[in-house]
Structure formats: C-alpha cells, structure tokens
Amino acid sequence: NREGDAWIVVEGRVFDVTKYIDEHPGGVKALRAFAGKDATKVFRGPQHGTQVDDVIELFLIGDLAK
C-alpha cells in the first residue's frame, strides 16, 4: 500500500490491482481505501455483479500466507 503499488486480499488470495486502479468503475478512492487490506467484505457487496470474479482473476499473484 504505497504510491504506485496497490495490492488487496479477497478470500485469502492476493491481487495486485495497481494497473486496474485508474479503471475501477467505483473510482480510485474505493480501491485505494483497501490497498494492503482484506477487501473481501466490500468485494462481495451488492455493487459487484458476477463478472467481478473474472476481472479480479487477471490480477491474482498468490495466496495469503497463513
């Protein structure tokens, strides 16, 4: 979570959304608020349709270490 680098966690998986942040339909602030954090709850919110799963997969970098 720093300028030019934004990773989020969704359901224990880590996604580098840095290249997507400017394209996010909810705006930069919406993604930036969860950079470096678990975004599962908001990710599964009513604002996202089922296509969001296909989009996020493009940014998968790995599983969160336990």
C-alpha atoms as a PDB file:
ATOM      1  CA  ASN A   1       0.000   0.000   0.000  1.00  0.00           C
ATOM      2  CA  ARG A   2       2.091   2.808  -1.345  1.00  0.00           C
ATOM      3  CA  GLU A   3       2.006   5.230  -4.240  1.00  0.00           C
ATOM      4  CA  GLY A   4       2.192   3.284  -7.484  1.00  0.00           C
ATOM      5  CA  ASP A   5       1.553  -0.096  -5.831  1.00  0.00           C
ATOM      6  CA  ALA A   6      -1.822  -1.440  -4.645  1.00  0.00           C
ATOM      7  CA  TRP A   7      -2.460  -4.992  -3.504  1.00  0.00           C
ATOM      8  CA  ILE A   8      -5.671  -6.256  -1.923  1.00  0.00           C
ATOM      9  CA  VAL A   9      -6.730  -9.518  -0.299  1.00  0.00           C
ATOM     10  CA  VAL A  10     -10.001 -11.218  -1.244  1.00  0.00           C
ATOM     11  CA  GLU A  11     -10.923 -14.525   0.359  1.00  0.00           C
ATOM     12  CA  GLY A  12      -7.320 -15.256   1.324  1.00  0.00           C
ATOM     13  CA  ARG A  13      -5.945 -14.549  -2.142  1.00  0.00           C
ATOM     14  CA  VAL A  14      -3.679 -11.622  -3.005  1.00  0.00           C
ATOM     15  CA  PHE A  15      -4.323  -9.426  -6.035  1.00  0.00           C
ATOM     16  CA  ASP A  16      -2.106  -6.689  -7.450  1.00  0.00           C
ATOM     17  CA  VAL A  17      -4.678  -4.158  -8.664  1.00  0.00           C
ATOM     18  CA  THR A  18      -2.128  -1.433  -9.370  1.00  0.00           C
ATOM     19  CA  LYS A  19      -2.740  -1.428 -13.133  1.00  0.00           C
ATOM     20  CA  TYR A  20      -6.527  -1.540 -12.651  1.00  0.00           C
ATOM     21  CA  ILE A  21      -6.923   1.174 -10.041  1.00  0.00           C
ATOM     22  CA  ASP A  22      -7.431   4.010 -12.552  1.00  0.00           C
ATOM     23  CA  GLU A  23     -10.023   1.948 -14.470  1.00  0.00           C
ATOM     24  CA  HIS A  24     -12.039   0.864 -11.422  1.00  0.00           C
ATOM     25  CA  PRO A  25     -15.684   1.913 -12.010  1.00  0.00           C
ATOM     26  CA  GLY A  26     -16.035   2.855  -8.331  1.00  0.00           C
ATOM     27  CA  GLY A  27     -13.091   5.226  -8.563  1.00  0.00           C
ATOM     28  CA  VAL A  28      -9.527   5.269  -7.331  1.00  0.00           C
ATOM     29  CA  LYS A  29     -10.517   6.082  -3.740  1.00  0.00           C
ATOM     30  CA  ALA A  30     -12.670   2.960  -3.472  1.00  0.00           C
ATOM     31  CA  LEU A  31      -9.762   0.648  -4.271  1.00  0.00           C
ATOM     32  CA  ARG A  32      -7.105   2.731  -2.538  1.00  0.00           C
ATOM     33  CA  ALA A  33      -9.087   2.519   0.739  1.00  0.00           C
ATOM     34  CA  PHE A  34      -8.485  -1.246   0.796  1.00  0.00           C
ATOM     35  CA  ALA A  35      -4.932  -1.361  -0.535  1.00  0.00           C
ATOM     36  CA  GLY A  36      -2.876  -3.510   1.794  1.00  0.00           C
ATOM     37  CA  LYS A  37      -6.012  -4.823   3.497  1.00  0.00           C
ATOM     38  CA  ASP A  38      -8.605  -7.582   3.319  1.00  0.00           C
ATOM     39  CA  ALA A  39     -11.272  -6.335   0.915  1.00  0.00           C
ATOM     40  CA  THR A  40     -13.413  -9.483   0.944  1.00  0.00           C
ATOM     41  CA  LYS A  41     -16.499  -7.962   2.565  1.00  0.00           C
ATOM     42  CA  VAL A  42     -16.721  -4.964   0.248  1.00  0.00           C
ATOM     43  CA  PHE A  43     -15.705  -7.051  -2.772  1.00  0.00           C
ATOM     44  CA  ARG A  44     -18.694  -9.324  -2.201  1.00  0.00           C
ATOM     45  CA  GLY A  45     -21.032  -6.352  -1.754  1.00  0.00           C
ATOM     46  CA  PRO A  46     -24.131  -5.673  -3.847  1.00  0.00           C
ATOM     47  CA  GLN A  47     -22.308  -3.177  -6.084  1.00  0.00           C
ATOM     48  CA  HIS A  48     -20.440  -6.014  -7.807  1.00  0.00           C
ATOM     49  CA  GLY A  49     -22.004  -8.414 -10.257  1.00  0.00           C
ATOM     50  CA  THR A  50     -20.761 -11.912 -11.011  1.00  0.00           C
ATOM     51  CA  GLN A  51     -18.382 -10.653 -13.720  1.00  0.00           C
ATOM     52  CA  VAL A  52     -16.168  -9.168 -10.999  1.00  0.00           C
ATOM     53  CA  ASP A  53     -14.727 -12.642 -10.351  1.00  0.00           C
ATOM     54  CA  ASP A  54     -13.460 -12.855 -13.928  1.00  0.00           C
ATOM     55  CA  VAL A  55     -11.925  -9.394 -13.765  1.00  0.00           C
ATOM     56  CA  ILE A  56     -10.126  -9.904 -10.442  1.00  0.00           C
ATOM     57  CA  GLU A  57      -8.572 -13.192 -11.585  1.00  0.00           C
ATOM     58  CA  LEU A  58      -6.464 -11.221 -14.062  1.00  0.00           C
ATOM     59  CA  PHE A  59      -4.623  -9.664 -11.122  1.00  0.00           C
ATOM     60  CA  LEU A  60      -4.042 -12.732  -8.943  1.00  0.00           C
ATOM     61  CA  ILE A  61      -0.487 -13.029  -7.635  1.00  0.00           C
ATOM     62  CA  GLY A  62      -0.885 -15.697  -4.973  1.00  0.00           C
ATOM     63  CA  ASP A  63      -2.401 -16.926  -1.743  1.00  0.00           C
ATOM     64  CA  LEU A  64      -2.031 -15.098   1.532  1.00  0.00           C
ATOM     65  CA  ALA A  65       0.467 -16.885   3.765  1.00  0.00           C
ATOM     66  CA  LYS A  66      -1.011 -18.240   6.976  1.00  0.00           C
END
